Amino acid sequence: MKALKDDKENKESKVGAAAGEALTAVGSWPSRTRAFLGDVRAETKRVTWPSMRQIQATTVVVIITVFIFGAYLGILDWVYTRVIGAILRWGQ
């Protein structure tokens, strides 16, 4: 009987400890958020930002690449559609 009582008290103390930890975590949220945002600001100041010319050049490269791949995949789609259509018509 005593073992059951000790077990119950042990579970209750674990629940109470977990609740205390949860309240501590919730209570420290504003300070952790403030510290995180301070770290983000400090890290952002150390970033080497690209120039406007570099941004424009890489944007043009991306747009051209997208059009090339789009055309390539469009041509492949057209060819495969024709080939599979011919195979299906031949099988009838």
N, C-alpha and C. Protein backbone atom coordinates (compact mmCIF):
# COMPACT_ATOMS: atom_id res chain seq x y z
N MET A 1 0.83 -1.19 0.00
CA MET A 1 0.00 0.00 0.00
C MET A 1 0.87 1.25 0.00
N LYS A 2 1.95 1.17 0.80
CA LYS A 2 2.85 2.31 0.90
C LYS A 2 3.53 2.57 -0.44
N ALA A 3 3.84 1.50 -1.17
CA ALA A 3 4.49 1.63 -2.47
C ALA A 3 3.59 2.37 -3.45
N LEU A 4 2.28 2.08 -3.42
CA LEU A 4 1.34 2.77 -4.30
C LEU A 4 1.26 4.25 -3.96
N LYS A 5 1.29 4.55 -2.66
CA LYS A 5 1.22 5.94 -2.23
C LYS A 5 2.48 6.69 -2.65
N ASP A 6 3.64 6.06 -2.47
CA ASP A 6 4.90 6.67 -2.88
C ASP A 6 4.94 6.89 -4.39
N ASP A 7 4.43 5.92 -5.16
CA ASP A 7 4.39 6.03 -6.61
C ASP A 7 3.50 7.19 -7.05
N LYS A 8 2.35 7.32 -6.40
CA LYS A 8 1.42 8.41 -6.71
C LYS A 8 2.05 9.76 -6.39
N GLU A 9 2.72 9.87 -5.26
CA GLU A 9 3.38 11.12 -4.88
C GLU A 9 4.51 11.45 -5.84
N ASN A 10 5.22 10.42 -6.31
CA ASN A 10 6.31 10.61 -7.25
C ASN A 10 5.78 11.15 -8.58
N LYS A 11 4.66 10.60 -9.06
CA LYS A 11 4.04 11.08 -10.31
C LYS A 11 3.57 12.51 -10.15
N GLU A 12 2.96 12.82 -9.01
CA GLU A 12 2.48 14.19 -8.78
C GLU A 12 3.63 15.18 -8.75
N SER A 13 4.76 14.79 -8.18
CA SER A 13 5.91 15.70 -8.13
C SER A 13 6.48 15.90 -9.53
N LYS A 14 6.47 14.84 -10.36
CA LYS A 14 6.93 14.98 -11.74
C LYS A 14 6.03 15.91 -12.53
N VAL A 15 4.72 15.79 -12.34
CA VAL A 15 3.76 16.67 -13.03
C VAL A 15 3.96 18.10 -12.59
N GLY A 16 4.14 18.30 -11.29
CA GLY A 16 4.37 19.65 -10.78
C GLY A 16 5.65 20.24 -11.31
N ALA A 17 6.71 19.44 -11.42
CA ALA A 17 7.98 19.92 -11.96
C ALA A 17 7.83 20.28 -13.43
N ALA A 18 7.11 19.45 -14.18
CA ALA A 18 6.90 19.73 -15.60
C ALA A 18 6.10 21.02 -15.79
N ALA A 19 5.10 21.22 -14.95
CA ALA A 19 4.30 22.44 -15.04
C ALA A 19 5.16 23.66 -14.72
N GLY A 20 6.03 23.53 -13.73
CA GLY A 20 6.92 24.64 -13.38
C GLY A 20 7.87 24.97 -14.51
N GLU A 21 8.40 23.94 -15.16
CA GLU A 21 9.28 24.16 -16.30
C GLU A 21 8.55 24.83 -17.45
N ALA A 22 7.31 24.43 -17.68
CA ALA A 22 6.52 25.04 -18.76
C ALA A 22 6.26 26.51 -18.46
N LEU A 23 5.93 26.83 -17.22
CA LEU A 23 5.70 28.23 -16.85
C LEU A 23 6.98 29.05 -16.97
N THR A 24 8.09 28.47 -16.61
CA THR A 24 9.37 29.16 -16.75
C THR A 24 9.67 29.43 -18.22
N ALA A 25 9.41 28.44 -19.08
CA ALA A 25 9.67 28.61 -20.52
C ALA A 25 8.77 29.70 -21.09
N VAL A 26 7.52 29.73 -20.68
CA VAL A 26 6.60 30.75 -21.17
C VAL A 26 7.01 32.12 -20.65
N GLY A 27 7.44 32.18 -19.41
CA GLY A 27 7.84 33.45 -18.82
C GLY A 27 9.11 34.02 -19.43
N SER A 28 10.00 33.16 -19.94
CA SER A 28 11.25 33.65 -20.51
C SER A 28 11.12 33.96 -22.00
N TRP A 29 9.96 33.77 -22.57
CA TRP A 29 9.74 34.00 -24.00
C TRP A 29 10.09 35.42 -24.45
N PRO A 30 9.64 36.47 -23.78
CA PRO A 30 9.99 37.81 -24.26
C PRO A 30 11.49 38.09 -24.26
N SER A 31 12.20 37.64 -23.25
CA SER A 31 13.64 37.90 -23.22
C SER A 31 14.37 37.08 -24.28
N ARG A 32 13.93 35.84 -24.51
CA ARG A 32 14.56 35.03 -25.57
C ARG A 32 14.27 35.61 -26.94
N THR A 33 13.06 36.12 -27.14
CA THR A 33 12.71 36.74 -28.42
C THR A 33 13.54 37.99 -28.65
N ARG A 34 13.69 38.81 -27.62
CA ARG A 34 14.47 40.03 -27.73
C ARG A 34 15.94 39.70 -28.05
N ALA A 35 16.48 38.67 -27.40
CA ALA A 35 17.86 38.26 -27.67
C ALA A 35 18.01 37.75 -29.10
N PHE A 36 17.04 36.97 -29.56
CA PHE A 36 17.09 36.44 -30.93
C PHE A 36 17.07 37.58 -31.95
N LEU A 37 16.17 38.54 -31.76
CA LEU A 37 16.09 39.66 -32.70
C LEU A 37 17.36 40.50 -32.66
N GLY A 38 17.97 40.64 -31.49
CA GLY A 38 19.25 41.35 -31.42
C GLY A 38 20.34 40.62 -32.19
N ASP A 39 20.35 39.29 -32.09
CA ASP A 39 21.32 38.49 -32.84
C ASP A 39 21.09 38.63 -34.34
N VAL A 40 19.83 38.64 -34.75
CA VAL A 40 19.51 38.79 -36.17
C VAL A 40 20.00 40.14 -36.68
N ARG A 41 19.76 41.18 -35.92
CA ARG A 41 20.19 42.52 -36.32
C ARG A 41 21.71 42.58 -36.45
N ALA A 42 22.43 42.02 -35.48
CA ALA A 42 23.89 42.02 -35.53
C ALA A 42 24.42 41.24 -36.72
N GLU A 43 23.80 40.09 -37.00
CA GLU A 43 24.23 39.26 -38.12
C GLU A 43 23.94 39.96 -39.46
N THR A 44 22.80 40.65 -39.54
CA THR A 44 22.43 41.35 -40.77
C THR A 44 23.42 42.47 -41.09
N LYS A 45 23.97 43.10 -40.07
CA LYS A 45 24.94 44.17 -40.29
C LYS A 45 26.25 43.64 -40.85
N ARG A 46 26.55 42.36 -40.60
CA ARG A 46 27.79 41.78 -41.10
C ARG A 46 27.67 41.20 -42.51
N VAL A 47 26.49 41.18 -43.06
CA VAL A 47 26.27 40.59 -44.39
C VAL A 47 26.85 41.51 -45.46
N THR A 48 27.49 40.92 -46.45
CA THR A 48 27.96 41.67 -47.61
C THR A 48 26.86 41.60 -48.65
N TRP A 49 26.18 42.71 -48.85
CA TRP A 49 25.04 42.75 -49.76
C TRP A 49 25.51 42.93 -51.19
N PRO A 50 24.86 42.28 -52.17
CA PRO A 50 25.27 42.44 -53.57
C PRO A 50 24.89 43.83 -54.07
N SER A 51 25.62 44.26 -55.09
CA SER A 51 25.32 45.57 -55.69
C SER A 51 24.10 45.43 -56.60
N MET A 52 23.53 46.57 -56.96
CA MET A 52 22.35 46.55 -57.85
C MET A 52 22.72 45.92 -59.20
N ARG A 53 23.92 46.15 -59.67
CA ARG A 53 24.36 45.57 -60.94
C ARG A 53 24.42 44.05 -60.86
N GLN A 54 24.91 43.52 -59.74
CA GLN A 54 24.96 42.07 -59.56
C GLN A 54 23.56 41.47 -59.48
N ILE A 55 22.67 42.15 -58.80
CA ILE A 55 21.28 41.68 -58.70
C ILE A 55 20.63 41.61 -60.07
N GLN A 56 20.82 42.67 -60.88
CA GLN A 56 20.23 42.70 -62.22
C GLN A 56 20.82 41.60 -63.09
N ALA A 57 22.14 41.39 -63.01
CA ALA A 57 22.78 40.36 -63.84
C ALA A 57 22.28 38.97 -63.48
N THR A 58 22.21 38.66 -62.19
CA THR A 58 21.75 37.33 -61.80
C THR A 58 20.27 37.14 -62.10
N THR A 59 19.49 38.21 -62.02
CA THR A 59 18.07 38.11 -62.35
C THR A 59 17.89 37.79 -63.82
N VAL A 60 18.67 38.43 -64.67
CA VAL A 60 18.59 38.16 -66.12
C VAL A 60 18.99 36.72 -66.40
N VAL A 61 20.03 36.22 -65.73
CA VAL A 61 20.47 34.84 -65.93
C VAL A 61 19.36 33.87 -65.52
N VAL A 62 18.71 34.14 -64.41
CA VAL A 62 17.64 33.26 -63.93
C VAL A 62 16.47 33.26 -64.92
N ILE A 63 16.07 34.42 -65.39
CA ILE A 63 14.94 34.50 -66.33
C ILE A 63 15.26 33.78 -67.62
N ILE A 64 16.46 33.98 -68.15
CA ILE A 64 16.85 33.30 -69.39
C ILE A 64 16.87 31.78 -69.18
N THR A 65 17.41 31.34 -68.05
CA THR A 65 17.48 29.90 -67.75
C THR A 65 16.09 29.31 -67.65
N VAL A 66 15.16 30.02 -67.02
CA VAL A 66 13.79 29.53 -66.90
C VAL A 66 13.15 29.37 -68.29
N PHE A 67 13.36 30.34 -69.15
CA PHE A 67 12.79 30.23 -70.50
C PHE A 67 13.42 29.08 -71.29
N ILE A 68 14.73 28.87 -71.15
CA ILE A 68 15.39 27.78 -71.86
C ILE A 68 14.86 26.43 -71.39
N PHE A 69 14.79 26.25 -70.06
CA PHE A 69 14.26 24.98 -69.55
C PHE A 69 12.78 24.81 -69.90
N GLY A 70 12.03 25.88 -69.87
CA GLY A 70 10.62 25.80 -70.25
C GLY A 70 10.46 25.35 -71.70
N ALA A 71 11.26 25.94 -72.59
CA ALA A 71 11.20 25.55 -74.00
C ALA A 71 11.64 24.09 -74.17
N TYR A 72 12.70 23.70 -73.49
CA TYR A 72 13.20 22.33 -73.58
C TYR A 72 12.13 21.34 -73.11
N LEU A 73 11.54 21.60 -71.97
CA LEU A 73 10.50 20.69 -71.46
C LEU A 73 9.25 20.72 -72.34
N GLY A 74 8.93 21.87 -72.91
CA GLY A 74 7.80 21.96 -73.83
C GLY A 74 8.01 21.12 -75.08
N ILE A 75 9.22 21.18 -75.61
CA ILE A 75 9.55 20.37 -76.80
C ILE A 75 9.50 18.88 -76.46
N LEU A 76 10.08 18.51 -75.30
CA LEU A 76 10.02 17.10 -74.90
C LEU A 76 8.58 16.63 -74.72
N ASP A 77 7.75 17.46 -74.14
CA ASP A 77 6.33 17.11 -73.95
C ASP A 77 5.65 16.90 -75.29
N TRP A 78 5.92 17.78 -76.22
CA TRP A 78 5.31 17.69 -77.56
C TRP A 78 5.75 16.40 -78.24
N VAL A 79 7.07 16.11 -78.18
CA VAL A 79 7.61 14.90 -78.84
C VAL A 79 7.01 13.65 -78.19
N TYR A 80 7.03 13.58 -76.87
CA TYR A 80 6.51 12.39 -76.20
C TYR A 80 5.01 12.23 -76.43
N THR A 81 4.27 13.33 -76.50
CA THR A 81 2.84 13.24 -76.80
C THR A 81 2.61 12.65 -78.18
N ARG A 82 3.39 13.10 -79.16
CA ARG A 82 3.26 12.57 -80.53
C ARG A 82 3.64 11.09 -80.59
N VAL A 83 4.74 10.73 -79.94
CA VAL A 83 5.23 9.33 -79.98
C VAL A 83 4.23 8.41 -79.28
N ILE A 84 3.78 8.78 -78.12
CA ILE A 84 2.83 7.92 -77.39
C ILE A 84 1.50 7.86 -78.13
N GLY A 85 1.07 8.98 -78.71
CA GLY A 85 -0.16 8.96 -79.51
C GLY A 85 -0.04 8.03 -80.70
N ALA A 86 1.13 8.04 -81.38
CA ALA A 86 1.33 7.16 -82.52
C ALA A 86 1.35 5.69 -82.08
N ILE A 87 1.96 5.42 -80.94
CA ILE A 87 1.99 4.04 -80.45
C ILE A 87 0.59 3.58 -80.10
N LEU A 88 -0.20 4.42 -79.47
CA LEU A 88 -1.56 4.03 -79.12
C LEU A 88 -2.43 3.83 -80.37
N ARG A 89 -2.25 4.69 -81.37
CA ARG A 89 -3.02 4.52 -82.62
C ARG A 89 -2.58 3.24 -83.34
N TRP A 90 -1.32 2.93 -83.32
CA TRP A 90 -0.77 1.73 -83.99
C TRP A 90 -1.29 0.46 -83.33
N GLY A 91 -1.51 0.53 -81.99
CA GLY A 91 -1.97 -0.66 -81.26
C GLY A 91 -3.45 -0.95 -81.43
N GLN A 92 -4.21 -0.08 -82.04
CA GLN A 92 -5.65 -0.33 -82.18
C GLN A 92 -5.95 -1.26 -83.30
